[in-house]
Amino acid sequence: MTNSAVSILEVVRVNPPPSDSFTLPLTYFDLGWLKLHPVDRVIFYHVPELTRSSLIPKLTSSLSATLLHYLPLAGRLVWDSIDTKPSIVYSPDNKDAVHVTVAESNGDLSYFTGDQPRHATEFHPLVPELTVFDESARVLAVQITLFPNQGFCLGVSAHHAVLDGKTTAMFLRAWAHNCKQEQKDLPHDLIPFLDRTVVKDPTGIETKLLNRWLSASNNKPSLKLFPSKKIGSDILRVTYRLTQENIKKLRERVETESVAKQLRLSTFVITYAYVITCMVKMRGGDPTRFVCIGFASDFRSRLNPPLPSTFFGNCVVGSGDFDVKAEPILEEREGKGFISAVEIMTGWVNGLCPENIEKSMLLPFEAFKRMEPGRQMISVAGSTRLGIYGSDFGWGKPVKVEIVTIDKDASVSLSESGDGSGGGVEIGVCLKQDDVERFGSLFSSGLK
């Protein structure tokens, strides 16, 4: 552990420019994520010459300008006993605003931005807390932490029932654009589409999800989140990388050795299948055991008619299987385990269609009840297509992006590679020391 400490200097309320009150109902896509923990990201910038007086006013004034387009982010999620479902409400009379925590760290920025094992808990003080009560919850919280003479980081905590990764990335790039350009005119692809009438619900998924959430909280509306796992000081955060060349070779291996037809060999499928293989082999154990494997897919372009690519909110649906047999993935013969993982992933990706949305969204409620304790769970946060490394606030691109919340739920994070090499992937994992060594050995030997 490093001996770095974070001191909170002030909390600033950032208001949008004067605006009318605003209400945005949740869609069934949002309701699927209602009680899941927020997604916490930390984005690091190396700018040694920056001072607090040159950084904070610029970031807060550009945030205010950006909130003009992203008004829901300044509001609250509200669900009280008279409302049939939760809505996002922004009201200037309620003094709604984004709370920005300004902090300073005496730590070493290069330690946090490295790929080597770092203690997961050391990232927690860099993320603000998102306040959530039964009847209301903040939508967004921001923390700016200055590392004097080194740079700064932005910690962003976003309520998962209000925005998915694509919306979060769009907002961050819009904020960065306003800060760098010092103008309020956003390019069209950064202006969110806020109309909810475009989301059709012919089979009543919304009602079914609301009933599930109500029955989980004694039939009283409650926004309280599922309890988060306590993270011990023995959990380490490590970054692994696949280069474009690594991915090409893995893809060629599948094309040569698999007899399955019409395989999906996207960068995501190849990368995630490879990570799954290393994770399952790292755990080892009884080959007849079951593993729970999941991922979320963006459905904006999969719906009929498709939603605009700038649609604000959630449009992601969880996919995968709660009962995957470990046996085919544990197969040692000539990398057969990885080939099996790609074939399994292909089946799931082929099943991503509007007809399967309801089943996918309701399945977790039943599956979690019957799962035995200790079952290995693997899920993924982030995406290689979000472009968070494009968030340049005027001081250059980020040197590192970390999704802090992967330490809570044994998920892995994926993002495009931040080193500018193009086509590569950054993979974040949080594991115990022994598992880090096992995973790292499997990861490197499988690429030889």
Protein backbone atom coordinates (compact mmCIF):
# COMPACT_ATOMS: atom_id res chain seq x y z
CA MET A 1 0.00 0.00 0.00
CA THR A 2 1.21 3.52 -0.69
CA ASN A 3 0.80 6.10 2.05
CA SER A 4 -1.17 8.51 -0.10
CA ALA A 5 -3.99 10.50 1.48
CA VAL A 6 -6.81 12.49 -0.10
CA SER A 7 -7.99 15.73 1.57
CA ILE A 8 -11.37 17.22 0.65
CA LEU A 9 -11.00 20.99 0.15
CA GLU A 10 -14.57 22.04 -0.74
CA VAL A 11 -17.84 20.89 -2.31
CA VAL A 12 -19.13 23.12 -5.11
CA ARG A 13 -22.73 23.07 -6.36
CA VAL A 14 -22.73 23.40 -10.14
CA ASN A 15 -26.05 24.58 -11.59
CA PRO A 16 -27.08 24.51 -15.22
CA PRO A 17 -27.85 27.91 -16.79
CA PRO A 18 -31.36 29.09 -15.77
CA SER A 19 -33.81 26.41 -16.93
CA ASP A 20 -37.41 25.35 -16.36
CA SER A 21 -38.34 22.35 -14.24
CA PHE A 22 -38.05 19.09 -16.12
CA THR A 23 -39.34 15.51 -15.67
CA LEU A 24 -38.13 12.47 -17.58
CA PRO A 25 -39.81 9.09 -16.94
CA LEU A 26 -37.65 5.97 -16.80
CA THR A 27 -38.04 3.38 -19.56
CA TYR A 28 -37.96 -0.38 -19.06
CA PHE A 29 -34.31 -0.29 -20.19
CA ASP A 30 -33.57 1.96 -17.19
CA LEU A 31 -35.69 -0.07 -14.76
CA GLY A 32 -33.59 -3.18 -15.34
CA TRP A 33 -30.68 -1.44 -13.55
CA LEU A 34 -32.69 0.29 -10.81
CA LYS A 35 -30.95 -1.13 -7.72
CA LEU A 36 -27.52 -1.91 -9.11
CA HIS A 37 -24.59 0.07 -7.75
CA PRO A 38 -23.50 3.21 -9.63
CA VAL A 39 -20.72 2.99 -12.19
CA ASP A 40 -17.65 4.76 -10.79
CA ARG A 41 -14.90 5.86 -13.17
CA VAL A 42 -11.66 7.69 -12.52
CA ILE A 43 -9.99 9.47 -15.44
CA PHE A 44 -6.37 10.56 -14.93
CA TYR A 45 -4.59 13.47 -16.65
CA HIS A 46 -0.87 14.23 -16.53
CA VAL A 47 -0.54 18.06 -16.49
CA PRO A 48 2.30 19.06 -14.11
CA GLU A 49 1.84 22.83 -14.56
CA LEU A 50 -1.85 22.92 -13.50
CA THR A 51 -2.90 24.67 -10.30
CA ARG A 52 -6.19 24.61 -8.43
CA SER A 53 -6.97 28.18 -9.51
CA SER A 54 -6.41 27.40 -13.20
CA LEU A 55 -8.27 24.06 -13.12
CA ILE A 56 -11.42 24.31 -10.98
CA PRO A 57 -13.12 27.44 -12.47
CA LYS A 58 -12.59 26.08 -15.99
CA LEU A 59 -14.00 22.63 -15.21
CA THR A 60 -17.00 23.92 -13.23
CA SER A 61 -18.03 26.64 -15.72
CA SER A 62 -17.82 24.21 -18.65
CA LEU A 63 -19.78 21.62 -16.62
CA SER A 64 -22.53 24.19 -16.05
CA ALA A 65 -22.69 24.94 -19.80
CA THR A 66 -22.86 21.22 -20.59
CA LEU A 67 -25.73 20.65 -18.15
CA LEU A 68 -27.90 22.90 -20.33
CA HIS A 69 -28.09 19.93 -22.74
CA TYR A 70 -27.81 17.24 -20.03
CA LEU A 71 -30.38 18.68 -17.60
CA PRO A 72 -31.40 15.27 -16.12
CA LEU A 73 -27.87 14.91 -14.69
CA ALA A 74 -28.43 17.93 -12.45
CA GLY A 75 -31.66 16.42 -11.10
CA ARG A 76 -32.73 13.55 -8.86
CA LEU A 77 -34.28 10.17 -9.39
CA VAL A 78 -37.61 10.24 -7.52
CA TRP A 79 -40.00 7.41 -6.58
CA ASP A 80 -42.54 8.11 -3.87
CA SER A 81 -45.71 6.32 -2.88
CA ILE A 82 -47.95 8.33 -5.24
CA ASP A 83 -45.86 7.60 -8.34
CA THR A 84 -46.42 4.37 -10.22
CA LYS A 85 -42.80 4.43 -11.38
CA PRO A 86 -39.57 6.39 -10.82
CA SER A 87 -38.80 9.52 -12.84
CA ILE A 88 -35.85 11.87 -13.18
CA VAL A 89 -36.87 15.31 -11.90
CA TYR A 90 -34.93 18.55 -12.23
CA SER A 91 -36.29 21.54 -10.31
CA PRO A 92 -34.40 24.82 -9.81
CA ASP A 93 -36.78 25.56 -6.87
CA ASN A 94 -35.36 22.49 -5.11
CA LYS A 95 -31.86 23.84 -5.72
CA ASP A 96 -31.03 20.78 -7.84
CA ALA A 97 -27.40 20.80 -9.00
CA VAL A 98 -24.39 18.55 -9.54
CA HIS A 99 -22.26 18.39 -6.39
CA VAL A 100 -18.58 18.61 -7.29
CA THR A 101 -16.08 17.63 -4.59
CA VAL A 102 -12.69 19.35 -4.89
CA ALA A 103 -9.86 17.35 -3.30
CA GLU A 104 -6.09 17.06 -3.21
CA SER A 105 -3.91 13.94 -3.06
CA ASN A 106 -0.32 13.67 -1.85
CA GLY A 107 0.02 10.41 -3.80
CA ASP A 108 2.09 9.57 -6.86
CA LEU A 109 -0.01 9.95 -10.02
CA SER A 110 2.18 7.50 -11.94
CA TYR A 111 1.41 4.79 -9.35
CA PHE A 112 -2.34 5.11 -10.03
CA THR A 113 -1.92 5.21 -13.80
CA GLY A 114 0.37 2.17 -14.05
CA ASP A 115 -0.65 -1.32 -15.13
CA GLN A 116 1.07 -3.11 -12.23
CA PRO A 117 -0.89 -4.53 -9.25
CA ARG A 118 -2.22 -1.67 -7.09
CA HIS A 119 -4.44 -1.95 -4.01
CA ALA A 120 -8.07 -1.58 -5.14
CA THR A 121 -9.11 0.31 -2.01
CA GLU A 122 -6.65 3.13 -2.80
CA PHE A 123 -8.90 4.21 -5.68
CA HIS A 124 -12.01 4.61 -3.50
CA PRO A 125 -11.09 8.06 -2.05
CA LEU A 126 -10.87 9.39 -5.65
CA VAL A 127 -14.58 8.71 -6.28
CA PRO A 128 -17.43 10.82 -4.83
CA GLU A 129 -20.35 9.20 -3.06
CA LEU A 130 -23.71 9.19 -4.83
CA THR A 131 -26.39 9.77 -2.19
CA VAL A 132 -29.34 7.37 -2.46
CA PHE A 133 -32.42 7.31 -0.21
CA ASP A 134 -35.65 5.29 -0.45
CA GLU A 135 -37.56 8.06 -2.22
CA SER A 136 -34.83 9.97 -4.07
CA ALA A 137 -31.33 9.52 -5.40
CA ARG A 138 -28.73 11.79 -6.95
CA VAL A 139 -28.07 11.07 -10.60
CA LEU A 140 -24.44 12.18 -10.88
CA ALA A 141 -21.60 13.11 -8.54
CA VAL A 142 -18.17 14.41 -9.59
CA GLN A 143 -14.84 14.69 -7.77
CA ILE A 144 -11.82 16.63 -9.04
CA THR A 145 -8.65 15.53 -7.27
CA LEU A 146 -5.50 17.56 -7.82
CA PHE A 147 -2.10 15.85 -7.64
CA PRO A 148 0.10 18.97 -7.20
CA ASN A 149 2.88 19.31 -9.83
CA GLN A 150 1.65 16.09 -11.51
CA GLY A 151 -1.90 16.49 -12.81
CA PHE A 152 -5.44 15.66 -11.73
CA CYS A 153 -8.15 13.03 -11.95
CA LEU A 154 -11.90 13.19 -12.47
CA GLY A 155 -13.95 10.76 -10.41
CA VAL A 156 -17.45 10.29 -11.81
CA SER A 157 -20.21 8.32 -10.10
CA ALA A 158 -23.26 7.78 -12.31
CA HIS A 159 -26.59 6.18 -11.34
CA HIS A 160 -27.00 3.10 -13.53
CA ALA A 161 -30.80 3.50 -13.81
CA VAL A 162 -30.30 6.90 -15.46
CA LEU A 163 -27.41 6.40 -17.87
CA ASP A 164 -25.47 3.60 -19.50
CA GLY A 165 -21.85 3.63 -20.63
CA LYS A 166 -22.65 5.19 -23.99
CA THR A 167 -24.58 8.11 -22.45
CA THR A 168 -21.86 8.62 -19.80
CA ALA A 169 -19.15 8.71 -22.48
CA MET A 170 -21.19 11.13 -24.60
CA PHE A 171 -21.63 13.45 -21.60
CA LEU A 172 -17.91 13.34 -20.70
CA ARG A 173 -16.90 14.12 -24.28
CA ALA A 174 -19.44 16.99 -24.39
CA TRP A 175 -18.06 18.42 -21.14
CA ALA A 176 -14.50 18.07 -22.44
CA HIS A 177 -15.49 19.76 -25.72
CA ASN A 178 -17.05 22.73 -23.88
CA CYS A 179 -14.01 23.06 -21.63
CA LYS A 180 -11.47 22.88 -24.46
CA GLN A 181 -13.35 25.00 -27.01
CA GLU A 182 -14.74 27.46 -24.44
CA GLN A 183 -17.98 27.56 -26.39
CA LYS A 184 -21.48 26.26 -25.84
CA ASP A 185 -22.15 24.90 -29.35
CA LEU A 186 -21.89 21.13 -29.15
CA PRO A 187 -21.45 19.00 -32.26
CA HIS A 188 -24.60 17.11 -33.19
CA ASP A 189 -23.25 13.72 -32.05
CA LEU A 190 -22.79 15.05 -28.48
CA ILE A 191 -26.32 16.46 -28.06
CA PRO A 192 -28.49 13.90 -26.25
CA PHE A 193 -31.87 12.81 -27.62
CA LEU A 194 -34.28 13.05 -24.66
CA ASP A 195 -37.61 11.96 -26.14
CA ARG A 196 -38.86 8.84 -24.31
CA THR A 197 -41.86 8.14 -26.58
CA VAL A 198 -39.56 6.38 -29.06
CA VAL A 199 -39.16 3.41 -26.66
CA LYS A 200 -42.10 1.05 -27.30
CA ASP A 201 -43.14 -1.59 -24.77
CA PRO A 202 -45.75 -3.81 -26.46
CA THR A 203 -45.41 -6.72 -23.98
CA GLY A 204 -45.48 -4.67 -20.75
CA ILE A 205 -41.87 -5.34 -19.65
CA GLU A 206 -41.98 -2.13 -17.58
CA THR A 207 -44.89 -3.34 -15.41
CA LYS A 208 -43.26 -6.75 -14.90
CA LEU A 209 -39.96 -5.15 -13.81
CA LEU A 210 -41.72 -2.70 -11.45
CA ASN A 211 -43.62 -5.60 -9.85
CA ARG A 212 -40.33 -7.48 -9.31
CA TRP A 213 -38.72 -4.44 -7.66
CA LEU A 214 -41.77 -3.76 -5.49
CA SER A 215 -41.93 -7.37 -4.28
CA ALA A 216 -38.21 -7.15 -3.41
CA SER A 217 -38.94 -4.23 -1.03
CA ASN A 218 -42.19 -5.33 0.72
CA ASN A 219 -44.37 -3.67 -1.95
CA LYS A 220 -43.12 -0.20 -1.03
CA PRO A 221 -41.38 1.97 -3.65
CA SER A 222 -37.69 2.05 -2.77
CA LEU A 223 -34.62 3.27 -4.66
CA LYS A 224 -32.24 1.77 -2.06
CA LEU A 225 -29.43 -0.04 -3.88
CA PHE A 226 -28.38 -3.64 -3.36
CA PRO A 227 -25.70 -3.74 -0.64
CA SER A 228 -22.17 -3.62 -2.02
CA LYS A 229 -19.51 -6.12 -1.10
CA LYS A 230 -16.89 -4.86 1.37
CA ILE A 231 -13.51 -4.77 -0.37
CA GLY A 232 -10.52 -5.99 1.61
CA SER A 233 -7.00 -4.58 1.40
CA ASP A 234 -5.94 -7.88 -0.23
CA ILE A 235 -7.73 -7.09 -3.51
CA LEU A 236 -5.36 -5.85 -6.22
CA ARG A 237 -6.23 -3.95 -9.39
CA VAL A 238 -4.20 -4.88 -12.49
CA THR A 239 -4.35 -3.83 -16.14
CA TYR A 240 -3.61 -6.30 -18.93
CA ARG A 241 -3.38 -5.45 -22.60
CA LEU A 242 -4.11 -7.16 -25.89
CA THR A 243 -2.49 -5.49 -28.89
CA GLN A 244 -4.10 -5.43 -32.32
CA GLU A 245 -1.57 -8.11 -33.31
CA ASN A 246 -2.53 -10.33 -30.31
CA ILE A 247 -6.21 -10.09 -31.26
CA LYS A 248 -5.43 -10.89 -34.91
CA LYS A 249 -3.51 -14.03 -33.91
CA LEU A 250 -6.25 -15.19 -31.53
CA ARG A 251 -8.84 -14.65 -34.30
CA GLU A 252 -6.72 -16.66 -36.77
CA ARG A 253 -6.42 -19.47 -34.22
CA VAL A 254 -10.23 -19.71 -33.96
CA GLU A 255 -10.67 -19.58 -37.76
CA THR A 256 -8.16 -22.44 -38.16
CA GLU A 257 -9.29 -24.70 -35.32
CA SER A 258 -13.05 -24.27 -34.85
CA VAL A 259 -15.47 -26.36 -36.89
CA ALA A 260 -18.45 -24.17 -35.86
CA LYS A 261 -20.20 -22.18 -38.58
CA GLN A 262 -20.63 -18.39 -38.76
CA LEU A 263 -18.60 -17.49 -35.69
CA ARG A 264 -18.70 -13.93 -34.32
CA LEU A 265 -15.08 -12.79 -34.23
CA SER A 266 -15.37 -9.13 -33.25
CA THR A 267 -12.69 -7.58 -31.02
CA PHE A 268 -15.17 -7.77 -28.12
CA VAL A 269 -15.94 -11.49 -28.58
CA ILE A 270 -12.26 -12.45 -28.99
CA THR A 271 -11.14 -10.36 -25.99
CA TYR A 272 -13.92 -11.35 -23.61
CA ALA A 273 -13.70 -15.05 -24.56
CA TYR A 274 -9.96 -14.92 -23.86
CA VAL A 275 -10.52 -13.26 -20.46
CA ILE A 276 -13.27 -15.78 -19.57
CA THR A 277 -10.90 -18.65 -20.43
CA CYS A 278 -8.16 -17.26 -18.17
CA MET A 279 -10.66 -16.59 -15.34
CA VAL A 280 -12.22 -20.08 -15.42
CA LYS A 281 -8.79 -21.78 -15.59
CA MET A 282 -7.47 -19.52 -12.82
CA ARG A 283 -10.24 -20.84 -10.52
CA GLY A 284 -9.82 -24.45 -11.77
CA GLY A 285 -11.71 -26.90 -9.58
CA ASP A 286 -14.46 -29.35 -10.48
CA PRO A 287 -15.05 -29.38 -14.27
CA THR A 288 -18.76 -30.09 -13.74
CA ARG A 289 -19.20 -26.83 -11.78
CA PHE A 290 -21.32 -24.01 -13.18
CA VAL A 291 -20.08 -20.50 -13.94
CA CYS A 292 -22.23 -17.38 -14.33
CA ILE A 293 -21.05 -15.28 -17.29
CA GLY A 294 -22.68 -12.04 -18.40
CA PHE A 295 -22.23 -8.94 -20.53
CA ALA A 296 -24.42 -6.01 -21.58
CA SER A 297 -25.20 -5.06 -25.17
CA ASP A 298 -26.25 -1.74 -26.64
CA PHE A 299 -29.66 -2.16 -28.31
CA ARG A 300 -30.01 1.31 -29.87
CA SER A 301 -29.31 -0.01 -33.36
CA ARG A 302 -30.89 -3.44 -32.75
CA LEU A 303 -34.46 -2.19 -32.17
CA ASN A 304 -37.00 -1.89 -34.95
CA PRO A 305 -37.12 0.99 -35.71
CA PRO A 306 -33.67 1.75 -34.24
CA LEU A 307 -33.25 4.51 -31.64
CA PRO A 308 -31.03 7.51 -32.40
CA SER A 309 -27.39 6.77 -31.50
CA THR A 310 -27.52 9.80 -29.14
CA PHE A 311 -30.54 8.45 -27.19
CA PHE A 312 -30.10 9.54 -23.53
CA GLY A 313 -30.45 6.92 -20.81
CA ASN A 314 -30.04 3.19 -20.81
CA CYS A 315 -30.45 1.09 -23.88
CA VAL A 316 -28.38 -1.89 -22.74
CA VAL A 317 -29.64 -5.39 -22.10
CA GLY A 318 -27.78 -8.03 -20.09
CA SER A 319 -26.97 -11.27 -21.88
CA GLY A 320 -25.05 -14.47 -21.18
CA ASP A 321 -25.93 -17.49 -19.03
CA PHE A 322 -26.09 -18.17 -15.29
CA ASP A 323 -25.36 -21.88 -15.77
CA VAL A 324 -22.31 -22.30 -18.03
CA LYS A 325 -20.51 -25.62 -17.59
CA ALA A 326 -16.83 -24.98 -16.77
CA GLU A 327 -15.74 -28.22 -18.47
CA PRO A 328 -15.36 -27.13 -22.14
CA ILE A 329 -13.53 -23.94 -21.08
CA LEU A 330 -11.18 -25.86 -18.79
CA GLU A 331 -10.14 -28.10 -21.72
CA GLU A 332 -6.32 -28.00 -21.83
CA ARG A 333 -5.77 -29.57 -25.26
CA GLU A 334 -4.25 -27.10 -27.81
CA GLY A 335 -6.08 -24.03 -26.58
CA LYS A 336 -9.42 -25.80 -26.95
CA GLY A 337 -10.85 -23.95 -23.91
CA PHE A 338 -10.53 -20.59 -25.66
CA ILE A 339 -12.16 -21.94 -28.85
CA SER A 340 -15.09 -23.23 -26.74
CA ALA A 341 -15.46 -19.81 -25.07
CA VAL A 342 -15.65 -18.10 -28.50
CA GLU A 343 -18.30 -20.62 -29.65
CA ILE A 344 -20.35 -20.04 -26.47
CA MET A 345 -20.06 -16.25 -26.87
CA THR A 346 -21.15 -16.51 -30.52
CA GLY A 347 -24.38 -18.22 -29.46
CA TRP A 348 -25.15 -15.39 -27.04
CA VAL A 349 -24.34 -12.62 -29.53
CA ASN A 350 -26.53 -14.30 -32.16
CA GLY A 351 -29.38 -14.24 -29.65
CA LEU A 352 -29.24 -10.43 -29.27
CA CYS A 353 -32.59 -9.45 -30.78
CA PRO A 354 -35.66 -7.48 -29.63
CA GLU A 355 -37.67 -10.72 -29.19
CA ASN A 356 -35.32 -11.83 -26.38
CA ILE A 357 -35.26 -8.55 -24.38
CA GLU A 358 -38.02 -9.48 -21.92
CA LYS A 359 -36.53 -12.89 -21.13
CA SER A 360 -33.05 -11.38 -20.66
CA MET A 361 -34.30 -8.65 -18.32
CA LEU A 362 -36.48 -10.87 -16.12
CA LEU A 363 -34.13 -13.85 -15.92
CA PRO A 364 -31.75 -12.48 -13.22
CA PHE A 365 -34.58 -12.17 -10.67
CA GLU A 366 -35.14 -15.93 -10.75
CA ALA A 367 -31.55 -17.02 -11.41
CA PHE A 368 -29.99 -15.29 -8.39
CA LYS A 369 -32.49 -16.99 -6.05
CA ARG A 370 -31.40 -20.50 -7.03
CA MET A 371 -27.64 -19.96 -7.40
CA GLU A 372 -25.42 -21.71 -4.89
CA PRO A 373 -23.09 -19.45 -2.86
CA GLY A 374 -19.53 -19.23 -4.15
CA ARG A 375 -20.39 -19.78 -7.82
CA GLN A 376 -17.82 -18.05 -10.02
CA MET A 377 -19.32 -14.96 -11.63
CA ILE A 378 -17.74 -13.11 -14.53
CA SER A 379 -19.23 -9.96 -16.03
CA VAL A 380 -17.91 -7.03 -17.99
CA ALA A 381 -18.06 -3.26 -17.47
CA GLY A 382 -17.20 -0.67 -20.11
CA SER A 383 -16.65 -1.30 -23.79
CA THR A 384 -13.97 -0.92 -26.44
CA ARG A 385 -16.28 1.47 -28.34
CA LEU A 386 -17.05 4.18 -25.79
CA GLY A 387 -14.09 6.42 -26.63
CA ILE A 388 -13.57 7.75 -23.08
CA TYR A 389 -9.89 8.24 -23.96
CA GLY A 390 -11.13 10.96 -26.34
CA SER A 391 -12.12 13.18 -23.38
CA ASP A 392 -9.61 16.02 -23.85
CA PHE A 393 -10.52 19.01 -21.64
CA GLY A 394 -7.78 21.13 -23.20
CA TRP A 395 -4.81 19.58 -21.40
CA GLY A 396 -4.40 16.50 -23.56
CA LYS A 397 -6.02 13.08 -23.51
CA PRO A 398 -6.29 10.95 -20.35
CA VAL A 399 -3.25 8.86 -19.43
CA LYS A 400 -5.46 6.20 -17.81
CA VAL A 401 -9.12 5.38 -17.25
CA GLU A 402 -10.18 2.99 -14.49
CA ILE A 403 -13.67 1.64 -13.73
CA VAL A 404 -13.45 1.52 -9.95
CA THR A 405 -16.64 -0.51 -9.39
CA ILE A 406 -15.27 -3.74 -10.90
CA ASP A 407 -13.79 -4.54 -7.48
CA LYS A 408 -17.33 -4.89 -6.03
CA ASP A 409 -18.74 -7.58 -8.30
CA ALA A 410 -15.86 -9.59 -9.78
CA SER A 411 -16.37 -8.02 -13.18
CA VAL A 412 -13.64 -7.09 -15.65
CA SER A 413 -13.41 -3.74 -17.43
CA LEU A 414 -12.75 -3.30 -21.12
CA SER A 415 -11.79 -0.14 -22.96
CA GLU A 416 -9.98 0.91 -26.08
CA SER A 417 -6.25 1.13 -25.47
CA GLY A 418 -5.23 4.55 -24.17
CA ASP A 419 -1.68 4.36 -25.54
CA GLY A 420 -2.82 5.47 -29.00
CA SER A 421 -1.63 2.24 -30.62
CA GLY A 422 -5.04 1.74 -32.26
CA GLY A 423 -7.02 -1.49 -32.21
CA GLY A 424 -5.65 -2.65 -28.84
CA VAL A 425 -7.71 -3.33 -25.71
CA GLU A 426 -7.13 -2.51 -22.04
CA ILE A 427 -8.47 -5.09 -19.58
CA GLY A 428 -8.89 -4.27 -15.90
CA VAL A 429 -9.29 -6.99 -13.26
CA CYS A 430 -9.44 -6.96 -9.44
CA LEU A 431 -8.14 -10.15 -7.80
CA LYS A 432 -6.32 -11.49 -4.74
CA GLN A 433 -2.53 -11.76 -4.97
CA ASP A 434 -2.43 -15.53 -5.73
CA ASP A 435 -5.12 -15.13 -8.39
CA VAL A 436 -3.24 -12.21 -9.96
CA GLU A 437 -0.21 -14.46 -10.41
CA ARG A 438 -2.28 -17.36 -11.81
CA PHE A 439 -4.33 -15.13 -14.12
CA GLY A 440 -1.21 -13.27 -15.35
CA SER A 441 0.60 -16.54 -16.11
CA LEU A 442 -2.40 -17.93 -18.06
CA PHE A 443 -2.90 -14.61 -19.88
CA SER A 444 0.70 -14.38 -21.12
CA SER A 445 1.20 -18.09 -21.88
CA GLY A 446 -2.00 -18.24 -23.97
CA LEU A 447 -0.60 -15.56 -26.29
CA LYS A 448 2.60 -17.47 -27.07
